PDB file of N, CA and C in Angstrom:
ATOM      1  N   UNK A   1     113.907  81.874  82.206  1.00  0.00           N
ATOM      2  CA  UNK A   1     114.397  80.538  82.457  1.00  0.00           C
ATOM      3  C   UNK A   1     113.185  80.025  83.209  1.00  0.00           C
ATOM      4  N   UNK A   2     113.237  78.705  82.972  1.00  0.00           N
ATOM      5  CA  UNK A   2     112.240  78.082  83.620  1.00  0.00           C
ATOM      6  C   UNK A   2     112.613  77.388  84.959  1.00  0.00           C
ATOM      7  N   UNK A   3     111.664  77.185  85.932  1.00  0.00           N
ATOM      8  CA  UNK A   3     112.166  76.781  87.334  1.00  0.00           C
ATOM      9  C   UNK A   3     112.954  75.394  87.232  1.00  0.00           C
ATOM     10  N   UNK A   4     112.695  74.491  86.582  1.00  0.00           N
ATOM     11  CA  UNK A   4     113.388  73.181  86.545  1.00  0.00           C
ATOM     12  C   UNK A   4     114.947  73.852  86.239  1.00  0.00           C
ATOM     13  N   UNK A   5     115.100  74.741  85.222  1.00  0.00           N
ATOM     14  CA  UNK A   5     116.620  75.028  84.912  1.00  0.00           C
ATOM     15  C   UNK A   5     117.317  75.869  86.113  1.00  0.00           C
ATOM     16  N   UNK A   6     116.492  76.685  86.867  1.00  0.00           N
ATOM     17  CA  UNK A   6     116.958  77.585  87.887  1.00  0.00           C
ATOM     18  C   UNK A   6     117.584  76.603  89.100  1.00  0.00           C
ATOM     19  N   UNK A   7     116.728  75.640  89.232  1.00  0.00           N
ATOM     20  CA  UNK A   7     117.106  74.792  90.319  1.00  0.00           C
ATOM     21  C   UNK A   7     118.351  73.608  89.989  1.00  0.00           C
ATOM     22  N   UNK A   8     118.664  73.341  88.681  1.00  0.00           N
ATOM     23  CA  UNK A   8     119.926  72.748  88.321  1.00  0.00           C
ATOM     24  C   UNK A   8     120.960  73.794  88.251  1.00  0.00           C
ATOM     25  N   UNK A   9     120.669  75.012  87.681  1.00  0.00           N
ATOM     26  CA  UNK A   9     121.823  75.848  87.848  1.00  0.00           C
ATOM     27  C   UNK A   9     122.063  76.270  89.501  1.00  0.00           C
ATOM     28  N   UNK A  10     121.138  76.441  90.062  1.00  0.00           N
ATOM     29  CA  UNK A  10     121.488  76.667  91.712  1.00  0.00           C
ATOM     30  C   UNK A  10     122.372  75.586  92.184  1.00  0.00           C
ATOM     31  N   UNK A  11     121.950  74.120  92.004  1.00  0.00           N
ATOM     32  CA  UNK A  11     122.645  73.215  92.491  1.00  0.00           C
ATOM     33  C   UNK A  11     124.136  73.195  92.042  1.00  0.00           C
ATOM     34  N   UNK A  12     124.340  73.417  90.749  1.00  0.00           N
ATOM     35  CA  UNK A  12     125.604  73.506  90.152  1.00  0.00           C
ATOM     36  C   UNK A  12     126.572  74.580  90.817  1.00  0.00           C
ATOM     37  N   UNK A  13     125.896  75.612  90.924  1.00  0.00           N
ATOM     38  CA  UNK A  13     126.686  76.753  91.697  1.00  0.00           C
ATOM     39  C   UNK A  13     127.041  76.428  93.040  1.00  0.00           C
ATOM     40  N   UNK A  14     126.263  75.903  93.858  1.00  0.00           N
ATOM     41  CA  UNK A  14     126.429  75.557  95.203  1.00  0.00           C
ATOM     42  C   UNK A  14     127.744  74.455  95.242  1.00  0.00           C
ATOM     43  N   UNK A  15     127.540  73.493  94.418  1.00  0.00           N
ATOM     44  CA  UNK A  15     128.556  72.604  94.359  1.00  0.00           C
ATOM     45  C   UNK A  15     129.913  72.907  93.975  1.00  0.00           C
ATOM     46  N   UNK A  16     129.888  73.861  92.729  1.00  0.00           N
ATOM     47  CA  UNK A  16     131.247  74.236  92.362  1.00  0.00           C
ATOM     48  C   UNK A  16     131.763  75.348  93.159  1.00  0.00           C
ATOM     49  N   UNK A  17     131.055  76.293  93.741  1.00  0.00           N
ATOM     50  CA  UNK A  17     131.837  77.350  94.719  1.00  0.00           C
ATOM     51  C   UNK A  17     131.940  76.746  95.991  1.00  0.00           C
ATOM     52  N   UNK A  18     131.202  75.526  96.460  1.00  0.00           N
ATOM     53  CA  UNK A  18     130.902  74.919  97.888  1.00  0.00           C
ATOM     54  C   UNK A  18     130.467  76.031  98.694  1.00  0.00           C
ATOM     55  N   UNK A  19     129.084  76.620  98.342  1.00  0.00           N
ATOM     56  CA  UNK A  19     128.824  77.796  98.952  1.00  0.00           C
ATOM     57  C   UNK A  19     127.177  77.372  99.202  1.00  0.00           C
ATOM     58  N   UNK A  20     126.706  77.118 100.242  1.00  0.00           N
ATOM     59  CA  UNK A  20     125.185  76.723 100.363  1.00  0.00           C
ATOM     60  C   UNK A  20     124.321  77.972 100.304  1.00  0.00           C
ATOM     61  N   UNK A  21     124.938  79.175 100.467  1.00  0.00           N
ATOM     62  CA  UNK A  21     123.905  80.357 100.675  1.00  0.00           C
ATOM     63  C   UNK A  21     123.713  80.988  99.141  1.00  0.00           C
ATOM     64  N   UNK A  22     124.341  80.367  98.251  1.00  0.00           N
ATOM     65  CA  UNK A  22     124.105  80.966  96.787  1.00  0.00           C
ATOM     66  C   UNK A  22     122.644  80.682  96.461  1.00  0.00           C
ATOM     67  N   UNK A  23     122.018  81.371  95.775  1.00  0.00           N
ATOM     68  CA  UNK A  23     120.470  81.278  95.184  1.00  0.00           C
ATOM     69  C   UNK A  23     120.403  81.899  93.988  1.00  0.00           C
ATOM     70  N   UNK A  24     119.902  81.314  93.163  1.00  0.00           N
ATOM     71  CA  UNK A  24     119.512  81.682  91.580  1.00  0.00           C
ATOM     72  C   UNK A  24     117.973  82.062  91.549  1.00  0.00           C
ATOM     73  N   UNK A  25     117.560  83.209  91.372  1.00  0.00           N
ATOM     74  CA  UNK A  25     116.292  83.700  91.223  1.00  0.00           C
ATOM     75  C   UNK A  25     115.755  84.140  89.921  1.00  0.00           C
ATOM     76  N   UNK A  26     114.616  83.828  89.592  1.00  0.00           N
ATOM     77  CA  UNK A  26     113.945  84.208  88.475  1.00  0.00           C
ATOM     78  C   UNK A  26     113.946  85.858  88.238  1.00  0.00           C
ATOM     79  N   UNK A  27     114.138  86.424  87.058  1.00  0.00           N
ATOM     80  CA  UNK A  27     113.991  87.854  86.837  1.00  0.00           C
ATOM     81  C   UNK A  27     112.483  88.079  86.373  1.00  0.00           C
ATOM     82  N   UNK A  28     112.005  89.175  86.839  1.00  0.00           N
ATOM     83  CA  UNK A  28     110.728  89.746  86.593  1.00  0.00           C
ATOM     84  C   UNK A  28     110.926  90.129  85.114  1.00  0.00           C
ATOM     85  N   UNK A  29     109.891  89.529  84.226  1.00  0.00           N
ATOM     86  CA  UNK A  29     109.764  90.134  82.884  1.00  0.00           C
ATOM     87  C   UNK A  29     110.838  89.575  81.768  1.00  0.00           C
ATOM     88  N   UNK A  30     111.775  88.895  82.275  1.00  0.00           N
ATOM     89  CA  UNK A  30     112.920  88.254  81.466  1.00  0.00           C
ATOM     90  C   UNK A  30     112.784  86.711  81.480  1.00  0.00           C
ATOM     91  N   UNK A  31     112.936  86.130  80.259  1.00  0.00           N
ATOM     92  CA  UNK A  31     113.077  84.730  80.448  1.00  0.00           C
ATOM     93  C   UNK A  31     114.314  84.438  79.913  1.00  0.00           C
ATOM     94  N   UNK A  32     115.197  84.992  79.655  1.00  0.00           N
ATOM     95  CA  UNK A  32     116.447  84.425  78.976  1.00  0.00           C
ATOM     96  C   UNK A  32     117.695  84.675  80.141  1.00  0.00           C
ATOM     97  N   UNK A  33     117.403  84.900  81.193  1.00  0.00           N
ATOM     98  CA  UNK A  33     118.442  85.177  82.240  1.00  0.00           C
ATOM     99  C   UNK A  33     117.757  85.095  83.823  1.00  0.00           C
ATOM    100  N   UNK A  34     118.638  84.901  84.779  1.00  0.00           N
ATOM    101  CA  UNK A  34     118.259  84.804  86.169  1.00  0.00           C
ATOM    102  C   UNK A  34     119.443  85.281  86.917  1.00  0.00           C
ATOM    103  N   UNK A  35     118.913  85.871  88.211  1.00  0.00           N
ATOM    104  CA  UNK A  35     119.728  86.628  88.857  1.00  0.00           C
ATOM    105  C   UNK A  35     120.354  85.864  89.918  1.00  0.00           C
ATOM    106  N   UNK A  36     121.801  85.953  90.590  1.00  0.00           N
ATOM    107  CA  UNK A  36     122.495  85.210  91.294  1.00  0.00           C
ATOM    108  C   UNK A  36     122.490  86.002  92.424  1.00  0.00           C
ATOM    109  N   UNK A  37     122.345  85.310  93.870  1.00  0.00           N
ATOM    110  CA  UNK A  37     122.438  86.012  95.245  1.00  0.00           C
ATOM    111  C   UNK A  37     123.386  85.088  96.024  1.00  0.00           C
ATOM    112  N   UNK A  38     123.889  85.835  96.942  1.00  0.00           N
ATOM    113  CA  UNK A  38     124.650  85.209  98.243  1.00  0.00           C
ATOM    114  C   UNK A  38     123.844  85.854  99.218  1.00  0.00           C
ATOM    115  N   UNK A  39     123.124  85.114  99.936  1.00  0.00           N
ATOM    116  CA  UNK A  39     122.247  85.628 101.140  1.00  0.00           C
ATOM    117  C   UNK A  39     121.462  86.532 100.298  1.00  0.00           C
ATOM    118  N   UNK A  40     121.399  88.010 100.865  1.00  0.00           N
ATOM    119  CA  UNK A  40     120.438  89.034 100.349  1.00  0.00           C
ATOM    120  C   UNK A  40     121.262  89.980  99.235  1.00  0.00           C
ATOM    121  N   UNK A  41     122.588  89.627  98.952  1.00  0.00           N
ATOM    122  CA  UNK A  41     123.334  90.407  98.134  1.00  0.00           C
ATOM    123  C   UNK A  41     123.265  89.961  96.591  1.00  0.00           C
ATOM    124  N   UNK A  42     122.935  90.868  95.755  1.00  0.00           N
ATOM    125  CA  UNK A  42     122.890  90.529  94.366  1.00  0.00           C
ATOM    126  C   UNK A  42     124.451  90.459  94.108  1.00  0.00           C
ATOM    127  N   UNK A  43     124.929  89.392  93.145  1.00  0.00           N
ATOM    128  CA  UNK A  43     126.198  89.190  92.764  1.00  0.00           C
ATOM    129  C   UNK A  43     126.526  89.246  91.256  1.00  0.00           C
ATOM    130  N   UNK A  44     125.382  88.885  90.616  1.00  0.00           N
ATOM    131  CA  UNK A  44     125.314  88.594  89.074  1.00  0.00           C
ATOM    132  C   UNK A  44     124.178  88.192  88.404  1.00  0.00           C
ATOM    133  N   UNK A  45     124.310  87.734  87.231  1.00  0.00           N
ATOM    134  CA  UNK A  45     123.213  87.375  86.324  1.00  0.00           C
ATOM    135  C   UNK A  45     123.833  86.102  85.443  1.00  0.00           C
ATOM    136  N   UNK A  46     123.043  85.245  85.298  1.00  0.00           N
ATOM    137  CA  UNK A  46     123.289  84.104  84.351  1.00  0.00           C
ATOM    138  C   UNK A  46     122.536  84.166  83.172  1.00  0.00           C
ATOM    139  N   UNK A  47     123.104  84.153  82.022  1.00  0.00           N
ATOM    140  CA  UNK A  47     122.232  84.212  80.828  1.00  0.00           C
ATOM    141  C   UNK A  47     122.123  82.931  80.112  1.00  0.00           C
ATOM    142  N   UNK A  48     121.105  82.720  79.478  1.00  0.00           N
ATOM    143  CA  UNK A  48     120.841  81.393  78.824  1.00  0.00           C
ATOM    144  C   UNK A  48     121.089  81.569  77.183  1.00  0.00           C
ATOM    145  N   UNK A  49     122.003  80.872  76.627  1.00  0.00           N
ATOM    146  CA  UNK A  49     122.315  80.833  75.245  1.00  0.00           C
ATOM    147  C   UNK A  49     122.017  79.610  74.609  1.00  0.00           C
ATOM    148  N   UNK A  50     120.891  79.666  73.806  1.00  0.00           N
ATOM    149  CA  UNK A  50     120.654  78.519  73.002  1.00  0.00           C
ATOM    150  C   UNK A  50     120.627  78.592  71.555  1.00  0.00           C
ATOM    151  N   UNK A  51     121.487  79.564  70.988  1.00  0.00           N
ATOM    152  CA  UNK A  51     121.750  79.698  69.933  1.00  0.00           C
ATOM    153  C   UNK A  51     122.292  78.533  68.956  1.00  0.00           C
ATOM    154  N   UNK A  52     121.929  78.180  67.806  1.00  0.00           N
ATOM    155  CA  UNK A  52     122.670  77.082  67.070  1.00  0.00           C
ATOM    156  C   UNK A  52     122.300  75.722  67.694  1.00  0.00           C
ATOM    157  N   UNK A  53     121.255  75.592  68.347  1.00  0.00           N
ATOM    158  CA  UNK A  53     121.036  74.453  69.053  1.00  0.00           C
ATOM    159  C   UNK A  53     122.079  73.869  70.069  1.00  0.00           C
ATOM    160  N   UNK A  54     122.814  74.632  70.522  1.00  0.00           N
ATOM    161  CA  UNK A  54     123.873  74.499  71.332  1.00  0.00           C
ATOM    162  C   UNK A  54     123.589  75.210  72.730  1.00  0.00           C
ATOM    163  N   UNK A  55     123.080  74.575  73.728  1.00  0.00           N
ATOM    164  CA  UNK A  55     122.643  75.206  74.987  1.00  0.00           C
ATOM    165  C   UNK A  55     123.899  75.462  75.824  1.00  0.00           C
ATOM    166  N   UNK A  56     124.017  76.603  76.394  1.00  0.00           N
ATOM    167  CA  UNK A  56     125.035  76.919  77.374  1.00  0.00           C
ATOM    168  C   UNK A  56     124.606  78.346  78.289  1.00  0.00           C
ATOM    169  N   UNK A  57     125.189  78.349  79.268  1.00  0.00           N
ATOM    170  CA  UNK A  57     124.892  79.418  80.337  1.00  0.00           C
ATOM    171  C   UNK A  57     126.196  80.194  80.553  1.00  0.00           C
ATOM    172  N   UNK A  58     125.830  81.432  80.611  1.00  0.00           N
ATOM    173  CA  UNK A  58     127.041  82.540  81.084  1.00  0.00           C
ATOM    174  C   UNK A  58     126.918  83.339  82.156  1.00  0.00           C
ATOM    175  N   UNK A  59     127.637  83.128  83.297  1.00  0.00           N
ATOM    176  CA  UNK A  59     127.570  83.809  84.543  1.00  0.00           C
ATOM    177  C   UNK A  59     128.344  85.113  84.454  1.00  0.00           C
ATOM    178  N   UNK A  60     127.744  86.258  84.545  1.00  0.00           N
ATOM    179  CA  UNK A  60     128.269  87.683  84.524  1.00  0.00           C
ATOM    180  C   UNK A  60     128.266  88.072  86.019  1.00  0.00           C
ATOM    181  N   UNK A  61     129.661  88.506  86.570  1.00  0.00           N
ATOM    182  CA  UNK A  61     129.663  89.162  88.023  1.00  0.00           C
ATOM    183  C   UNK A  61     130.494  90.316  87.873  1.00  0.00           C
ATOM    184  N   UNK A  62     130.216  91.476  88.091  1.00  0.00           N
ATOM    185  CA  UNK A  62     130.961  92.710  88.104  1.00  0.00           C
ATOM    186  C   UNK A  62     131.547  92.888  89.557  1.00  0.00           C
ATOM    187  N   UNK A  63     132.735  93.093  89.491  1.00  0.00           N
ATOM    188  CA  UNK A  63     133.519  93.449  90.784  1.00  0.00           C
ATOM    189  C   UNK A  63     134.085  94.941  90.718  1.00  0.00           C
ATOM    190  N   UNK A  64     133.415  95.471  91.466  1.00  0.00           N
ATOM    191  CA  UNK A  64     133.710  97.167  91.744  1.00  0.00           C
ATOM    192  C   UNK A  64     135.061  97.309  92.543  1.00  0.00           C
ATOM    193  N   UNK A  65     135.754  98.331  91.919  1.00  0.00           N
ATOM    194  CA  UNK A  65     137.099  98.779  92.515  1.00  0.00           C
ATOM    195  C   UNK A  65     137.086  98.784  94.113  1.00  0.00           C
ATOM    196  N   UNK A  66     135.983  99.545  94.769  1.00  0.00           N
ATOM    197  CA  UNK A  66     135.915  99.611  96.054  1.00  0.00           C
ATOM    198  C   UNK A  66     135.596  98.077  96.754  1.00  0.00           C
ATOM    199  N   UNK A  67     135.117  97.300  96.116  1.00  0.00           N
ATOM    200  CA  UNK A  67     134.840  96.097  96.735  1.00  0.00           C
ATOM    201  C   UNK A  67     136.163  95.295  97.130  1.00  0.00           C
ATOM    202  N   UNK A  68     137.203  95.632  96.323  1.00  0.00           N
ATOM    203  CA  UNK A  68     138.609  95.085  96.770  1.00  0.00           C
ATOM    204  C   UNK A  68     139.309  95.442  97.823  1.00  0.00           C
ATOM    205  N   UNK A  69     138.669  96.627  98.389  1.00  0.00           N
ATOM    206  CA  UNK A  69     139.540  97.206  99.402  1.00  0.00           C
ATOM    207  C   UNK A  69     139.195  96.818 100.705  1.00  0.00           C
TER     208      UNK A  69
END
């Protein structure tokens, strides 16, 4: 993903989740996705989907069982 896309996605996530510490970072050697962090903790990946000339983004976050305790 390009830097301008990452900036827009980060602003959207901050507004949506009302969380100023959320950060979107470029992934090394990948241009179809970016990593999402809260502080120093990795929480998920945003994938860019531009098939069929319809651009969208998918946020994927795993929640482990021990995180719920």
